[in-house]
Structure formats: C-alpha cells, structure tokens
Amino acid sequence: MFDTGGDAAALVNAPAREAPPWEHVEAEISRLNALDHQIATVWHPAARGEVIPTALGNVRVAVGDTAEYQLSTGEKIAL
C-alpha cells in the first residue's frame, strides 16, 4: 500500500473554494492577460459567453466546476 501521508487526505477532504463572481473574473482576466502571461481559457461555474475580449485577443470561456484559467503554456491557475 502507498503511504500518502496526512496531507493528501486533507486535500481530498477539503471543502471546495467558492468561486468569485463571474463579473470579477471577467475583469481580472482582461487585466491579467499580457505578453508574458497569455491566457488561453478560463473556466467558471457561472461563465457566460464564448470569449472575453482583451487587448491581446480573445480568451476562450467555458463552464467548469471551479474558477481557474489556463495559460498558453498549459499551466492552470486557480482564481
């Protein structure tokens, strides 16, 4: 049997974070999207629309269980 330690069990049993309001997420994504931090997709439980227009182009919008976004590098970041 694998020893996962107490930390893994705590993560699995931890309550889910409440997602910030969609309007705040839209504004934050527009602010954060930059040449050195290119956002490809944003997920949110209450997402609306298909894209968020930004100065560097559109960011894809999708409904998801959590509020997070993915950079063009593949890295996902929780909101």
N, C-alpha and C. Protein backbone atom coordinates (compact mmCIF):
# COMPACT_ATOMS: atom_id res chain seq x y z
N MET A 1 0.85 -1.18 0.00
CA MET A 1 0.00 0.00 0.00
C MET A 1 0.89 1.24 0.00
N PHE A 2 0.45 2.28 -0.68
CA PHE A 2 1.21 3.52 -0.75
C PHE A 2 0.94 4.37 0.48
N ASP A 3 1.98 5.02 0.95
CA ASP A 3 1.84 5.95 2.07
C ASP A 3 1.62 7.35 1.50
N THR A 4 0.37 7.82 1.59
CA THR A 4 0.05 9.15 1.06
C THR A 4 0.22 10.24 2.12
N GLY A 5 0.35 9.85 3.35
CA GLY A 5 0.52 10.83 4.41
C GLY A 5 -0.78 11.56 4.72
N GLY A 6 -0.79 12.35 5.74
CA GLY A 6 -1.98 13.08 6.15
C GLY A 6 -2.35 14.22 5.23
N ASP A 7 -1.36 14.83 4.57
CA ASP A 7 -1.64 15.98 3.72
C ASP A 7 -2.52 15.63 2.53
N ALA A 8 -2.31 14.49 1.91
CA ALA A 8 -3.12 14.09 0.76
C ALA A 8 -4.57 13.88 1.18
N ALA A 9 -4.78 13.26 2.31
CA ALA A 9 -6.15 13.04 2.79
C ALA A 9 -6.83 14.37 3.09
N ALA A 10 -6.09 15.31 3.62
CA ALA A 10 -6.66 16.63 3.92
C ALA A 10 -7.06 17.35 2.64
N LEU A 11 -6.27 17.21 1.59
CA LEU A 11 -6.60 17.85 0.32
C LEU A 11 -7.87 17.26 -0.30
N VAL A 12 -7.99 15.95 -0.23
CA VAL A 12 -9.16 15.28 -0.81
C VAL A 12 -10.42 15.66 -0.06
N ASN A 13 -10.33 15.79 1.26
CA ASN A 13 -11.49 16.08 2.09
C ASN A 13 -11.73 17.56 2.33
N ALA A 14 -10.89 18.42 1.78
CA ALA A 14 -11.03 19.86 1.99
C ALA A 14 -12.27 20.38 1.27
N PRO A 15 -12.99 21.31 1.88
CA PRO A 15 -14.16 21.88 1.21
C PRO A 15 -13.73 22.68 -0.02
N ALA A 16 -14.57 22.66 -1.05
CA ALA A 16 -14.26 23.40 -2.28
C ALA A 16 -14.32 24.90 -2.02
N ARG A 17 -13.41 25.64 -2.66
CA ARG A 17 -13.42 27.10 -2.56
C ARG A 17 -14.60 27.63 -3.35
N GLU A 18 -15.23 28.65 -2.83
CA GLU A 18 -16.32 29.29 -3.56
C GLU A 18 -15.73 30.17 -4.66
N ALA A 19 -16.30 30.06 -5.85
CA ALA A 19 -15.81 30.84 -6.99
C ALA A 19 -16.18 32.31 -6.82
N PRO A 20 -15.27 33.21 -7.22
CA PRO A 20 -15.59 34.64 -7.20
C PRO A 20 -16.69 34.93 -8.22
N PRO A 21 -17.41 36.04 -8.09
CA PRO A 21 -18.45 36.38 -9.07
C PRO A 21 -17.89 36.45 -10.49
N TRP A 22 -18.67 36.00 -11.46
CA TRP A 22 -18.22 35.97 -12.85
C TRP A 22 -17.77 37.34 -13.34
N GLU A 23 -18.47 38.40 -12.97
CA GLU A 23 -18.10 39.75 -13.41
C GLU A 23 -16.69 40.11 -12.95
N HIS A 24 -16.32 39.69 -11.76
CA HIS A 24 -14.97 39.96 -11.24
C HIS A 24 -13.94 39.16 -12.03
N VAL A 25 -14.29 37.92 -12.36
CA VAL A 25 -13.38 37.07 -13.12
C VAL A 25 -13.12 37.66 -14.51
N GLU A 26 -14.18 38.13 -15.17
CA GLU A 26 -14.02 38.75 -16.49
C GLU A 26 -13.03 39.92 -16.43
N ALA A 27 -13.21 40.79 -15.45
CA ALA A 27 -12.34 41.96 -15.31
C ALA A 27 -10.90 41.52 -14.99
N GLU A 28 -10.74 40.53 -14.15
CA GLU A 28 -9.41 40.06 -13.76
C GLU A 28 -8.69 39.43 -14.95
N ILE A 29 -9.40 38.64 -15.74
CA ILE A 29 -8.79 38.01 -16.92
C ILE A 29 -8.33 39.09 -17.90
N SER A 30 -9.16 40.10 -18.13
CA SER A 30 -8.78 41.20 -19.03
C SER A 30 -7.53 41.91 -18.53
N ARG A 31 -7.44 42.09 -17.21
CA ARG A 31 -6.28 42.77 -16.62
C ARG A 31 -5.02 41.90 -16.67
N LEU A 32 -5.16 40.60 -16.42
CA LEU A 32 -4.00 39.71 -16.31
C LEU A 32 -3.42 39.28 -17.65
N ASN A 33 -4.22 39.26 -18.71
CA ASN A 33 -3.73 38.75 -19.99
C ASN A 33 -2.66 39.70 -20.53
N ALA A 34 -1.43 39.19 -20.68
CA ALA A 34 -0.29 40.01 -21.12
C ALA A 34 0.65 39.15 -21.95
N LEU A 35 1.60 39.78 -22.61
CA LEU A 35 2.54 39.04 -23.45
C LEU A 35 3.30 37.97 -22.68
N ASP A 36 3.64 38.25 -21.43
CA ASP A 36 4.39 37.28 -20.63
C ASP A 36 3.47 36.42 -19.75
N HIS A 37 2.16 36.54 -19.94
CA HIS A 37 1.17 35.78 -19.15
C HIS A 37 -0.08 35.61 -20.03
N GLN A 38 0.07 34.85 -21.14
CA GLN A 38 -1.00 34.73 -22.12
C GLN A 38 -2.02 33.69 -21.69
N ILE A 39 -3.25 34.15 -21.48
CA ILE A 39 -4.33 33.28 -21.02
C ILE A 39 -5.07 32.72 -22.23
N ALA A 40 -5.22 31.40 -22.26
CA ALA A 40 -5.90 30.74 -23.37
C ALA A 40 -7.37 30.48 -23.05
N THR A 41 -7.65 29.98 -21.84
CA THR A 41 -9.01 29.57 -21.47
C THR A 41 -9.28 29.93 -20.02
N VAL A 42 -10.54 30.28 -19.73
CA VAL A 42 -10.97 30.49 -18.35
C VAL A 42 -12.22 29.64 -18.12
N TRP A 43 -12.26 28.96 -16.94
CA TRP A 43 -13.41 28.16 -16.53
C TRP A 43 -14.04 28.79 -15.31
N HIS A 44 -15.37 28.70 -15.23
CA HIS A 44 -16.10 29.24 -14.08
C HIS A 44 -17.48 28.59 -14.04
N PRO A 45 -18.01 28.29 -12.85
CA PRO A 45 -19.34 27.66 -12.76
C PRO A 45 -20.45 28.51 -13.36
N ALA A 46 -20.32 29.84 -13.32
CA ALA A 46 -21.37 30.72 -13.84
C ALA A 46 -20.90 31.48 -15.09
N ALA A 47 -19.98 30.88 -15.84
CA ALA A 47 -19.43 31.55 -17.03
C ALA A 47 -20.53 31.90 -18.02
N ARG A 48 -20.36 33.05 -18.65
CA ARG A 48 -21.31 33.50 -19.68
C ARG A 48 -20.53 33.92 -20.91
N GLY A 49 -21.07 33.61 -22.07
CA GLY A 49 -20.43 33.98 -23.32
C GLY A 49 -19.43 32.93 -23.78
N GLU A 50 -18.86 33.20 -24.94
CA GLU A 50 -17.89 32.27 -25.52
C GLU A 50 -16.46 32.76 -25.40
N VAL A 51 -16.27 34.08 -25.35
CA VAL A 51 -14.93 34.66 -25.24
C VAL A 51 -14.96 35.91 -24.37
N ILE A 52 -13.79 36.23 -23.82
CA ILE A 52 -13.58 37.51 -23.15
C ILE A 52 -12.60 38.28 -24.03
N PRO A 53 -13.02 39.40 -24.60
CA PRO A 53 -12.10 40.18 -25.43
C PRO A 53 -11.06 40.89 -24.55
N THR A 54 -9.80 40.82 -24.95
CA THR A 54 -8.73 41.52 -24.24
C THR A 54 -7.88 42.27 -25.26
N ALA A 55 -6.96 43.06 -24.79
CA ALA A 55 -6.09 43.84 -25.68
C ALA A 55 -5.23 42.92 -26.56
N LEU A 56 -4.96 41.70 -26.10
CA LEU A 56 -4.11 40.77 -26.86
C LEU A 56 -4.92 39.74 -27.64
N GLY A 57 -6.22 39.87 -27.66
CA GLY A 57 -7.07 38.90 -28.36
C GLY A 57 -8.07 38.27 -27.40
N ASN A 58 -8.84 37.35 -27.91
CA ASN A 58 -9.90 36.73 -27.13
C ASN A 58 -9.39 35.59 -26.26
N VAL A 59 -10.00 35.45 -25.08
CA VAL A 59 -9.75 34.33 -24.18
C VAL A 59 -11.00 33.46 -24.20
N ARG A 60 -10.83 32.18 -24.46
CA ARG A 60 -11.95 31.23 -24.53
C ARG A 60 -12.59 31.08 -23.16
N VAL A 61 -13.93 31.00 -23.13
CA VAL A 61 -14.70 30.86 -21.89
C VAL A 61 -15.38 29.49 -21.90
N ALA A 62 -15.35 28.80 -20.76
CA ALA A 62 -16.03 27.51 -20.63
C ALA A 62 -16.60 27.39 -19.23
N VAL A 63 -17.71 26.67 -19.11
CA VAL A 63 -18.30 26.39 -17.80
C VAL A 63 -17.49 25.26 -17.16
N GLY A 64 -17.13 25.45 -15.90
CA GLY A 64 -16.36 24.44 -15.19
C GLY A 64 -16.79 24.35 -13.74
N ASP A 65 -16.33 23.32 -13.05
CA ASP A 65 -16.67 23.13 -11.64
C ASP A 65 -15.98 24.13 -10.73
N THR A 66 -14.84 24.63 -11.17
CA THR A 66 -14.06 25.58 -10.37
C THR A 66 -13.74 26.81 -11.20
N ALA A 67 -13.29 27.85 -10.54
CA ALA A 67 -12.85 29.07 -11.23
C ALA A 67 -11.34 28.98 -11.40
N GLU A 68 -10.91 28.84 -12.64
CA GLU A 68 -9.48 28.76 -12.94
C GLU A 68 -9.24 29.17 -14.38
N TYR A 69 -7.98 29.45 -14.70
CA TYR A 69 -7.65 29.76 -16.08
C TYR A 69 -6.39 29.00 -16.45
N GLN A 70 -6.19 28.87 -17.78
CA GLN A 70 -5.04 28.15 -18.29
C GLN A 70 -4.23 29.06 -19.19
N LEU A 71 -2.92 29.07 -18.97
CA LEU A 71 -2.02 29.85 -19.80
C LEU A 71 -1.74 29.12 -21.10
N SER A 72 -1.20 29.82 -22.06
CA SER A 72 -0.85 29.19 -23.33
C SER A 72 0.24 28.12 -23.15
N THR A 73 0.93 28.13 -22.01
CA THR A 73 1.94 27.12 -21.70
C THR A 73 1.33 25.83 -21.17
N GLY A 74 0.03 25.86 -20.85
CA GLY A 74 -0.64 24.69 -20.31
C GLY A 74 -0.85 24.75 -18.80
N GLU A 75 -0.16 25.66 -18.14
CA GLU A 75 -0.28 25.79 -16.68
C GLU A 75 -1.67 26.29 -16.30
N LYS A 76 -2.31 25.64 -15.31
CA LYS A 76 -3.62 26.07 -14.82
C LYS A 76 -3.44 26.81 -13.49
N ILE A 77 -4.22 27.89 -13.33
CA ILE A 77 -4.11 28.74 -12.14
C ILE A 77 -5.51 28.97 -11.58
N ALA A 78 -5.70 28.67 -10.30
CA ALA A 78 -6.99 28.87 -9.63
C ALA A 78 -7.22 30.35 -9.37
N LEU A 79 -8.49 30.74 -9.46
CA LEU A 79 -8.86 32.13 -9.17
C LEU A 79 -9.45 32.22 -7.77
